[in-house]
């Protein structure tokens, strides 16, 4: 997850705070899958095995969580340019 944009560090830091808040608003199961996928860079197959759920369940939860994050960030007025959602 990028911490900030080098050309606009203050905006990047504000976005990082917004992203962290949006992550906290996710259900624990959704947040866990997001962190396993994005932060730890696990493949969906690995996540499914770790959580003892099907591959399709992992994909579905991940897709739903990403949609929620994007919607939440957009609703909170986060920057909507391409870089804003680059980690999602």
N, C-alpha and C. Protein backbone atom coordinates (compact mmCIF):
# COMPACT_ATOMS: atom_id res chain seq x y z
N UNK A 1 0.84 -1.17 0.00
CA UNK A 1 0.00 0.00 0.00
C UNK A 1 0.88 1.24 0.00
N UNK A 2 0.74 2.12 -0.97
CA UNK A 2 1.58 3.30 -0.97
C UNK A 2 1.22 4.22 0.18
N UNK A 3 2.25 4.77 0.80
CA UNK A 3 2.02 5.66 1.94
C UNK A 3 1.69 7.05 1.45
N UNK A 4 2.41 7.55 0.45
CA UNK A 4 2.11 8.87 -0.08
C UNK A 4 2.70 9.04 -1.47
N UNK A 5 2.19 10.02 -2.17
CA UNK A 5 2.71 10.36 -3.49
C UNK A 5 3.87 11.32 -3.29
N UNK A 6 5.01 11.07 -3.89
CA UNK A 6 6.19 11.89 -3.70
C UNK A 6 5.98 13.33 -4.15
N UNK A 7 5.19 13.53 -5.20
CA UNK A 7 4.98 14.88 -5.70
C UNK A 7 3.97 15.67 -4.88
N UNK A 8 3.14 15.00 -4.09
CA UNK A 8 2.15 15.66 -3.24
C UNK A 8 2.06 14.92 -1.91
N UNK A 9 3.10 15.03 -1.07
CA UNK A 9 3.14 14.20 0.14
C UNK A 9 1.99 14.43 1.10
N UNK A 10 1.54 15.65 1.28
CA UNK A 10 0.46 15.90 2.24
C UNK A 10 -0.85 15.28 1.76
N UNK A 11 -1.14 15.38 0.48
CA UNK A 11 -2.34 14.76 -0.06
C UNK A 11 -2.25 13.25 0.07
N UNK A 12 -1.07 12.71 -0.17
CA UNK A 12 -0.87 11.27 -0.04
C UNK A 12 -1.09 10.79 1.37
N UNK A 13 -0.60 11.55 2.34
CA UNK A 13 -0.79 11.18 3.74
C UNK A 13 -2.26 11.22 4.12
N UNK A 14 -2.97 12.24 3.65
CA UNK A 14 -4.40 12.34 3.93
C UNK A 14 -5.14 11.16 3.32
N UNK A 15 -4.76 10.78 2.10
CA UNK A 15 -5.39 9.64 1.46
C UNK A 15 -5.12 8.36 2.24
N UNK A 16 -3.90 8.21 2.74
CA UNK A 16 -3.54 7.02 3.51
C UNK A 16 -4.42 6.91 4.76
N UNK A 17 -4.67 8.02 5.42
CA UNK A 17 -5.54 8.02 6.61
C UNK A 17 -6.95 7.62 6.20
N UNK A 18 -7.45 8.18 5.10
CA UNK A 18 -8.79 7.83 4.61
C UNK A 18 -8.88 6.35 4.28
N UNK A 19 -7.85 5.82 3.67
CA UNK A 19 -7.83 4.40 3.31
C UNK A 19 -7.84 3.53 4.57
N UNK A 20 -7.04 3.89 5.56
CA UNK A 20 -7.02 3.12 6.81
C UNK A 20 -8.39 3.14 7.49
N UNK A 21 -9.03 4.30 7.49
CA UNK A 21 -10.37 4.39 8.09
C UNK A 21 -11.37 3.54 7.31
N UNK A 22 -11.29 3.57 6.00
CA UNK A 22 -12.19 2.76 5.17
C UNK A 22 -11.95 1.27 5.43
N UNK A 23 -10.70 0.87 5.58
CA UNK A 23 -10.40 -0.53 5.90
C UNK A 23 -11.00 -0.93 7.24
N UNK A 24 -10.94 -0.05 8.21
CA UNK A 24 -11.51 -0.36 9.53
C UNK A 24 -13.02 -0.53 9.48
N UNK A 25 -13.65 0.13 8.51
CA UNK A 25 -15.12 0.03 8.40
C UNK A 25 -15.57 -1.26 7.71
N UNK A 26 -14.65 -1.98 7.10
CA UNK A 26 -15.00 -3.27 6.49
C UNK A 26 -15.28 -4.30 7.58
N UNK A 27 -16.03 -5.31 7.21
CA UNK A 27 -16.22 -6.45 8.11
C UNK A 27 -14.86 -7.13 8.30
N UNK A 28 -14.61 -7.70 9.47
CA UNK A 28 -13.32 -8.34 9.73
C UNK A 28 -12.91 -9.37 8.67
N UNK A 29 -13.85 -10.18 8.19
CA UNK A 29 -13.52 -11.18 7.17
C UNK A 29 -13.07 -10.52 5.87
N UNK A 30 -13.74 -9.43 5.50
CA UNK A 30 -13.38 -8.72 4.28
C UNK A 30 -12.00 -8.06 4.43
N UNK A 31 -11.80 -7.41 5.55
CA UNK A 31 -10.52 -6.74 5.80
C UNK A 31 -9.37 -7.75 5.78
N UNK A 32 -9.58 -8.91 6.38
CA UNK A 32 -8.55 -9.94 6.43
C UNK A 32 -8.15 -10.37 5.01
N UNK A 33 -9.13 -10.59 4.16
CA UNK A 33 -8.84 -11.00 2.78
C UNK A 33 -8.11 -9.89 2.03
N UNK A 34 -8.53 -8.65 2.21
CA UNK A 34 -7.86 -7.52 1.56
C UNK A 34 -6.39 -7.47 2.00
N UNK A 35 -6.15 -7.59 3.28
CA UNK A 35 -4.77 -7.53 3.79
C UNK A 35 -3.94 -8.70 3.30
N UNK A 36 -4.52 -9.89 3.30
CA UNK A 36 -3.79 -11.05 2.80
C UNK A 36 -3.43 -10.89 1.32
N UNK A 37 -4.36 -10.36 0.55
CA UNK A 37 -4.16 -10.22 -0.89
C UNK A 37 -3.23 -9.06 -1.24
N UNK A 38 -3.50 -7.88 -0.70
CA UNK A 38 -2.76 -6.69 -1.11
C UNK A 38 -1.47 -6.50 -0.33
N UNK A 39 -1.54 -6.57 0.98
CA UNK A 39 -0.36 -6.31 1.80
C UNK A 39 0.61 -7.49 1.76
N UNK A 40 0.10 -8.68 2.00
CA UNK A 40 0.96 -9.86 2.02
C UNK A 40 1.17 -10.48 0.64
N UNK A 41 0.43 -9.97 -0.35
CA UNK A 41 0.56 -10.40 -1.74
C UNK A 41 0.34 -11.90 -1.95
N UNK A 42 -0.60 -12.46 -1.20
CA UNK A 42 -0.96 -13.87 -1.38
C UNK A 42 -1.85 -14.02 -2.60
N UNK A 43 -1.74 -15.16 -3.25
CA UNK A 43 -2.65 -15.49 -4.35
C UNK A 43 -3.98 -15.94 -3.76
N UNK A 44 -5.03 -15.88 -4.55
CA UNK A 44 -6.35 -16.29 -4.07
C UNK A 44 -6.35 -17.74 -3.60
N UNK A 45 -5.62 -18.57 -4.32
CA UNK A 45 -5.54 -19.98 -3.94
C UNK A 45 -4.94 -20.14 -2.54
N UNK A 46 -3.90 -19.37 -2.26
CA UNK A 46 -3.25 -19.43 -0.95
C UNK A 46 -4.18 -18.95 0.16
N UNK A 47 -4.90 -17.89 -0.13
CA UNK A 47 -5.84 -17.35 0.86
C UNK A 47 -6.93 -18.37 1.15
N UNK A 48 -7.45 -18.98 0.09
CA UNK A 48 -8.49 -20.00 0.27
C UNK A 48 -7.99 -21.13 1.16
N UNK A 49 -6.77 -21.55 0.93
CA UNK A 49 -6.20 -22.63 1.73
C UNK A 49 -6.01 -22.19 3.19
N UNK A 50 -5.48 -20.99 3.39
CA UNK A 50 -5.25 -20.47 4.74
C UNK A 50 -6.55 -20.35 5.54
N UNK A 51 -7.60 -19.89 4.87
CA UNK A 51 -8.87 -19.65 5.55
C UNK A 51 -9.81 -20.84 5.49
N UNK A 52 -9.40 -21.87 4.79
CA UNK A 52 -10.21 -23.08 4.63
C UNK A 52 -11.59 -22.77 4.05
N UNK A 53 -11.57 -21.96 2.98
CA UNK A 53 -12.79 -21.66 2.23
C UNK A 53 -12.46 -21.84 0.75
N UNK A 54 -13.49 -21.84 -0.08
CA UNK A 54 -13.27 -22.07 -1.51
C UNK A 54 -12.62 -20.86 -2.18
N UNK A 55 -11.98 -21.16 -3.28
CA UNK A 55 -11.37 -20.11 -4.11
C UNK A 55 -12.43 -19.08 -4.51
N UNK A 56 -13.59 -19.56 -4.94
CA UNK A 56 -14.64 -18.64 -5.39
C UNK A 56 -15.15 -17.76 -4.25
N UNK A 57 -15.20 -18.29 -3.04
CA UNK A 57 -15.62 -17.49 -1.89
C UNK A 57 -14.61 -16.38 -1.61
N UNK A 58 -13.33 -16.71 -1.74
CA UNK A 58 -12.29 -15.70 -1.54
C UNK A 58 -12.42 -14.60 -2.58
N UNK A 59 -12.55 -14.99 -3.85
CA UNK A 59 -12.69 -14.01 -4.93
C UNK A 59 -13.89 -13.10 -4.72
N UNK A 60 -15.02 -13.71 -4.35
CA UNK A 60 -16.24 -12.94 -4.17
C UNK A 60 -16.10 -11.95 -3.01
N UNK A 61 -15.56 -12.42 -1.88
CA UNK A 61 -15.37 -11.53 -0.73
C UNK A 61 -14.40 -10.39 -1.07
N UNK A 62 -13.35 -10.74 -1.79
CA UNK A 62 -12.36 -9.74 -2.19
C UNK A 62 -13.01 -8.68 -3.09
N UNK A 63 -13.74 -9.13 -4.10
CA UNK A 63 -14.39 -8.20 -5.03
C UNK A 63 -15.38 -7.29 -4.31
N UNK A 64 -16.17 -7.87 -3.41
CA UNK A 64 -17.13 -7.07 -2.63
C UNK A 64 -16.40 -6.04 -1.76
N UNK A 65 -15.34 -6.48 -1.12
CA UNK A 65 -14.59 -5.58 -0.24
C UNK A 65 -13.96 -4.44 -1.02
N UNK A 66 -13.41 -4.73 -2.18
CA UNK A 66 -12.82 -3.68 -3.01
C UNK A 66 -13.88 -2.68 -3.43
N UNK A 67 -15.05 -3.16 -3.83
CA UNK A 67 -16.14 -2.25 -4.21
C UNK A 67 -16.53 -1.37 -3.04
N UNK A 68 -16.63 -1.96 -1.84
CA UNK A 68 -16.97 -1.18 -0.65
C UNK A 68 -15.91 -0.11 -0.37
N UNK A 69 -14.65 -0.50 -0.47
CA UNK A 69 -13.57 0.46 -0.22
C UNK A 69 -13.63 1.62 -1.21
N UNK A 70 -13.77 1.30 -2.48
CA UNK A 70 -13.82 2.35 -3.50
C UNK A 70 -15.02 3.27 -3.28
N UNK A 71 -16.16 2.69 -2.98
CA UNK A 71 -17.37 3.48 -2.74
C UNK A 71 -17.20 4.35 -1.50
N UNK A 72 -16.67 3.77 -0.44
CA UNK A 72 -16.45 4.50 0.80
C UNK A 72 -15.50 5.67 0.59
N UNK A 73 -14.40 5.42 -0.10
CA UNK A 73 -13.43 6.49 -0.35
C UNK A 73 -14.02 7.58 -1.23
N UNK A 74 -14.78 7.20 -2.24
CA UNK A 74 -15.42 8.18 -3.11
C UNK A 74 -16.44 9.00 -2.32
N UNK A 75 -17.21 8.34 -1.46
CA UNK A 75 -18.20 9.03 -0.64
C UNK A 75 -17.56 10.02 0.33
N UNK A 76 -16.37 9.68 0.79
CA UNK A 76 -15.66 10.55 1.74
C UNK A 76 -14.89 11.65 1.04
N UNK A 77 -14.97 11.68 -0.28
CA UNK A 77 -14.32 12.75 -1.04
C UNK A 77 -12.86 12.52 -1.32
N UNK A 78 -12.42 11.29 -1.25
CA UNK A 78 -11.02 10.99 -1.58
C UNK A 78 -10.77 11.34 -3.03
N UNK A 79 -9.54 11.63 -3.35
CA UNK A 79 -9.18 11.93 -4.73
C UNK A 79 -9.63 10.77 -5.62
N UNK A 80 -10.16 11.10 -6.78
CA UNK A 80 -10.70 10.06 -7.65
C UNK A 80 -9.84 9.81 -8.88
N UNK A 81 -8.63 10.35 -8.90
CA UNK A 81 -7.80 10.08 -10.07
C UNK A 81 -7.28 8.65 -10.03
N UNK A 82 -6.61 8.24 -11.08
CA UNK A 82 -6.16 6.85 -11.23
C UNK A 82 -5.27 6.41 -10.08
N UNK A 83 -4.38 7.29 -9.61
CA UNK A 83 -3.45 6.91 -8.55
C UNK A 83 -4.15 6.69 -7.22
N UNK A 84 -5.29 7.30 -7.00
CA UNK A 84 -5.98 7.16 -5.73
C UNK A 84 -6.33 5.72 -5.42
N UNK A 85 -6.68 4.96 -6.44
CA UNK A 85 -7.11 3.59 -6.22
C UNK A 85 -6.08 2.59 -6.73
N UNK A 86 -4.86 3.05 -6.94
CA UNK A 86 -3.85 2.16 -7.54
C UNK A 86 -3.55 0.95 -6.68
N UNK A 87 -3.67 1.08 -5.36
CA UNK A 87 -3.38 -0.07 -4.50
C UNK A 87 -4.58 -0.99 -4.39
N UNK A 88 -5.75 -0.56 -4.87
CA UNK A 88 -6.94 -1.38 -4.81
C UNK A 88 -7.12 -2.04 -6.14
